[in-house]
Amino acid sequence: MPNPTDNMTTPLLIIKVVFDYFGISPFYQMTKTRKREIVIARQVSMYYMKENTRLSLAHIGAYFLRDHATVLHACKTVNNLRDTDREFRSDMVRICNKICCEMLAGKPEINEYAYSQYDTDKC
């Protein structure tokens, strides 16, 4: 199994940041509910996990009790929303910045890496 910290970002940190951003308890990451706000938080979490870790799609899905196809669908949905919805795109940049800030908290040794990887133009 790939090491989830290879890219200095852990899946649980991503889940925490994303769900906190949307004001939703991370408890809902594994529920079967299809409420839009919860689905969006799950999909955004899956997207950032795919982009920032070396986990397989199946391993990412396991954090949400979903399969790899659901992770693929989530990533496509997030990409489409980011391309068509200006407000959502702004949310994505803010979430990316929050992930970066969480990574930097108390870890000065990764400052250079984080700044190179989490430039807001890339988010």
C-alpha atoms as a PDB file:
ATOM      1  CA  MET A   1       0.000   0.000   0.000  1.00  0.00           C
ATOM      2  CA  PRO A   2       1.399   3.413  -0.909  1.00  0.00           C
ATOM      3  CA  ASN A   3       2.418   5.689   1.910  1.00  0.00           C
ATOM      4  CA  PRO A   4      -0.290   8.387   2.179  1.00  0.00           C
ATOM      5  CA  THR A   5       2.242  10.911   3.475  1.00  0.00           C
ATOM      6  CA  ASP A   6       4.490  10.708   0.421  1.00  0.00           C
ATOM      7  CA  ASN A   7       3.163  14.073  -0.738  1.00  0.00           C
ATOM      8  CA  MET A   8       3.122  15.512   2.807  1.00  0.00           C
ATOM      9  CA  THR A   9      -0.653  15.420   2.938  1.00  0.00           C
ATOM     10  CA  THR A  10      -2.667  12.814   4.756  1.00  0.00           C
ATOM     11  CA  PRO A  11      -6.147  11.679   3.759  1.00  0.00           C
ATOM     12  CA  LEU A  12      -7.571  12.366   7.211  1.00  0.00           C
ATOM     13  CA  LEU A  13      -6.251  15.926   7.163  1.00  0.00           C
ATOM     14  CA  ILE A  14      -7.931  16.481   3.795  1.00  0.00           C
ATOM     15  CA  ILE A  15     -11.231  15.065   5.058  1.00  0.00           C
ATOM     16  CA  LYS A  16     -11.062  17.235   8.184  1.00  0.00           C
ATOM     17  CA  VAL A  17     -10.288  20.438   6.290  1.00  0.00           C
ATOM     18  CA  VAL A  18     -12.912  19.897   3.583  1.00  0.00           C
ATOM     19  CA  PHE A  19     -15.729  18.893   5.911  1.00  0.00           C
ATOM     20  CA  ASP A  20     -14.854  21.739   8.319  1.00  0.00           C
ATOM     21  CA  TYR A  21     -14.916  24.175   5.394  1.00  0.00           C
ATOM     22  CA  PHE A  22     -18.432  23.107   4.472  1.00  0.00           C
ATOM     23  CA  GLY A  23     -19.530  23.102   8.132  1.00  0.00           C
ATOM     24  CA  ILE A  24     -20.261  19.382   8.165  1.00  0.00           C
ATOM     25  CA  SER A  25     -19.148  16.811  10.714  1.00  0.00           C
ATOM     26  CA  PRO A  26     -16.590  14.358   9.266  1.00  0.00           C
ATOM     27  CA  PHE A  27     -18.882  11.655  10.662  1.00  0.00           C
ATOM     28  CA  TYR A  28     -20.911  12.024   7.450  1.00  0.00           C
ATOM     29  CA  GLN A  29     -18.014  10.952   5.232  1.00  0.00           C
ATOM     30  CA  MET A  30     -19.078   7.326   5.579  1.00  0.00           C
ATOM     31  CA  THR A  31     -22.842   7.661   5.632  1.00  0.00           C
ATOM     32  CA  LYS A  32     -25.081   6.729   2.739  1.00  0.00           C
ATOM     33  CA  THR A  33     -26.911  10.055   2.732  1.00  0.00           C
ATOM     34  CA  ARG A  34     -27.260  11.823  -0.593  1.00  0.00           C
ATOM     35  CA  LYS A  35     -27.859  15.318   0.734  1.00  0.00           C
ATOM     36  CA  ARG A  36     -26.214  17.650  -1.728  1.00  0.00           C
ATOM     37  CA  GLU A  37     -23.973  19.475   0.767  1.00  0.00           C
ATOM     38  CA  ILE A  38     -22.638  16.180   2.139  1.00  0.00           C
ATOM     39  CA  VAL A  39     -22.136  14.697  -1.326  1.00  0.00           C
ATOM     40  CA  ILE A  40     -20.169  17.778  -2.426  1.00  0.00           C
ATOM     41  CA  ALA A  41     -17.934  17.585   0.674  1.00  0.00           C
ATOM     42  CA  ARG A  42     -17.262  13.891  -0.006  1.00  0.00           C
ATOM     43  CA  GLN A  43     -16.532  14.529  -3.678  1.00  0.00           C
ATOM     44  CA  VAL A  44     -14.172  17.415  -2.955  1.00  0.00           C
ATOM     45  CA  SER A  45     -12.374  15.287  -0.344  1.00  0.00           C
ATOM     46  CA  MET A  46     -11.972  12.468  -2.855  1.00  0.00           C
ATOM     47  CA  TYR A  47     -10.675  14.921  -5.456  1.00  0.00           C
ATOM     48  CA  TYR A  48      -8.020  16.362  -3.145  1.00  0.00           C
ATOM     49  CA  MET A  49      -7.029  12.900  -1.939  1.00  0.00           C
ATOM     50  CA  LYS A  50      -6.511  11.804  -5.548  1.00  0.00           C
ATOM     51  CA  GLU A  51      -4.523  14.940  -6.366  1.00  0.00           C
ATOM     52  CA  ASN A  52      -2.394  15.037  -3.212  1.00  0.00           C
ATOM     53  CA  THR A  53      -1.689  11.456  -2.219  1.00  0.00           C
ATOM     54  CA  ARG A  54      -0.453   8.373  -3.967  1.00  0.00           C
ATOM     55  CA  LEU A  55      -3.388   6.291  -2.811  1.00  0.00           C
ATOM     56  CA  SER A  56      -5.178   4.138  -5.340  1.00  0.00           C
ATOM     57  CA  LEU A  57      -8.756   4.967  -6.224  1.00  0.00           C
ATOM     58  CA  ALA A  58      -9.880   1.893  -4.279  1.00  0.00           C
ATOM     59  CA  HIS A  59      -7.994   3.037  -1.162  1.00  0.00           C
ATOM     60  CA  ILE A  60      -9.474   6.528  -1.440  1.00  0.00           C
ATOM     61  CA  GLY A  61     -12.943   5.035  -1.801  1.00  0.00           C
ATOM     62  CA  ALA A  62     -12.398   2.933   1.322  1.00  0.00           C
ATOM     63  CA  TYR A  63     -12.231   6.120   3.433  1.00  0.00           C
ATOM     64  CA  PHE A  64     -15.828   6.788   2.377  1.00  0.00           C
ATOM     65  CA  LEU A  65     -17.136   3.207   2.079  1.00  0.00           C
ATOM     66  CA  ARG A  66     -17.311   3.698  -1.698  1.00  0.00           C
ATOM     67  CA  ASP A  67     -15.687   1.948  -4.654  1.00  0.00           C
ATOM     68  CA  HIS A  68     -13.116   3.217  -7.148  1.00  0.00           C
ATOM     69  CA  ALA A  69     -15.783   4.122  -9.725  1.00  0.00           C
ATOM     70  CA  THR A  70     -17.383   6.506  -7.246  1.00  0.00           C
ATOM     71  CA  VAL A  71     -14.024   8.219  -6.748  1.00  0.00           C
ATOM     72  CA  LEU A  72     -13.626   8.617 -10.522  1.00  0.00           C
ATOM     73  CA  HIS A  73     -17.128  10.064 -10.770  1.00  0.00           C
ATOM     74  CA  ALA A  74     -16.399  12.441  -7.884  1.00  0.00           C
ATOM     75  CA  CYS A  75     -13.232  13.733  -9.550  1.00  0.00           C
ATOM     76  CA  LYS A  76     -15.037  14.312 -12.859  1.00  0.00           C
ATOM     77  CA  THR A  77     -17.877  16.103 -11.071  1.00  0.00           C
ATOM     78  CA  VAL A  78     -15.480  18.365  -9.167  1.00  0.00           C
ATOM     79  CA  ASN A  79     -13.569  19.185 -12.359  1.00  0.00           C
ATOM     80  CA  ASN A  80     -16.812  20.043 -14.157  1.00  0.00           C
ATOM     81  CA  LEU A  81     -18.037  22.234 -11.297  1.00  0.00           C
ATOM     82  CA  ARG A  82     -14.683  23.964 -11.057  1.00  0.00           C
ATOM     83  CA  ASP A  83     -14.777  24.727 -14.792  1.00  0.00           C
ATOM     84  CA  THR A  84     -18.343  26.040 -14.831  1.00  0.00           C
ATOM     85  CA  ASP A  85     -19.054  27.573 -11.419  1.00  0.00           C
ATOM     86  CA  ARG A  86     -17.019  30.600 -10.357  1.00  0.00           C
ATOM     87  CA  GLU A  87     -18.103  30.401  -6.704  1.00  0.00           C
ATOM     88  CA  PHE A  88     -17.182  26.712  -6.528  1.00  0.00           C
ATOM     89  CA  ARG A  89     -13.789  27.495  -8.075  1.00  0.00           C
ATOM     90  CA  SER A  90     -13.209  30.096  -5.334  1.00  0.00           C
ATOM     91  CA  ASP A  91     -14.213  27.525  -2.709  1.00  0.00           C
ATOM     92  CA  MET A  92     -11.657  25.118  -4.172  1.00  0.00           C
ATOM     93  CA  VAL A  93      -8.866  27.704  -3.886  1.00  0.00           C
ATOM     94  CA  ARG A  94      -9.829  28.479  -0.275  1.00  0.00           C
ATOM     95  CA  ILE A  95      -9.899  24.767   0.597  1.00  0.00           C
ATOM     96  CA  CYS A  96      -6.525  24.256  -1.065  1.00  0.00           C
ATOM     97  CA  ASN A  97      -5.103  27.125   0.981  1.00  0.00           C
ATOM     98  CA  LYS A  98      -6.560  25.676   4.200  1.00  0.00           C
ATOM     99  CA  ILE A  99      -4.976  22.294   3.433  1.00  0.00           C
ATOM    100  CA  CYS A 100      -1.655  24.075   2.922  1.00  0.00           C
ATOM    101  CA  CYS A 101      -2.026  25.997   6.194  1.00  0.00           C
ATOM    102  CA  GLU A 102      -2.808  22.797   8.094  1.00  0.00           C
ATOM    103  CA  MET A 103       0.257  21.159   6.588  1.00  0.00           C
ATOM    104  CA  LEU A 104       2.454  24.057   7.636  1.00  0.00           C
ATOM    105  CA  ALA A 105       1.164  24.210  11.196  1.00  0.00           C
ATOM    106  CA  GLY A 106       4.122  23.287  13.355  1.00  0.00           C
ATOM    107  CA  LYS A 107       6.129  21.797  10.487  1.00  0.00           C
ATOM    108  CA  PRO A 108       8.626  24.376   9.251  1.00  0.00           C
ATOM    109  CA  GLU A 109      10.676  21.692   7.513  1.00  0.00           C
ATOM    110  CA  ILE A 110       8.045  21.379   4.777  1.00  0.00           C
ATOM    111  CA  ASN A 111       7.539  25.080   4.071  1.00  0.00           C
ATOM    112  CA  GLU A 112       9.476  25.033   0.817  1.00  0.00           C
ATOM    113  CA  TYR A 113       7.722  21.900  -0.434  1.00  0.00           C
ATOM    114  CA  ALA A 114       4.270  23.202   0.486  1.00  0.00           C
ATOM    115  CA  TYR A 115       4.802  26.573  -1.139  1.00  0.00           C
ATOM    116  CA  SER A 116       5.942  24.912  -4.356  1.00  0.00           C
ATOM    117  CA  GLN A 117       3.039  22.438  -4.421  1.00  0.00           C
ATOM    118  CA  TYR A 118       0.151  24.581  -3.221  1.00  0.00           C
ATOM    119  CA  ASP A 119       0.444  27.724  -5.230  1.00  0.00           C
ATOM    120  CA  THR A 120      -3.112  29.043  -5.592  1.00  0.00           C
ATOM    121  CA  ASP A 121      -2.760  29.027  -9.374  1.00  0.00           C
ATOM    122  CA  LYS A 122      -2.480  25.246  -9.217  1.00  0.00           C
ATOM    123  CA  CYS A 123      -5.467  24.698  -6.929  1.00  0.00           C
END
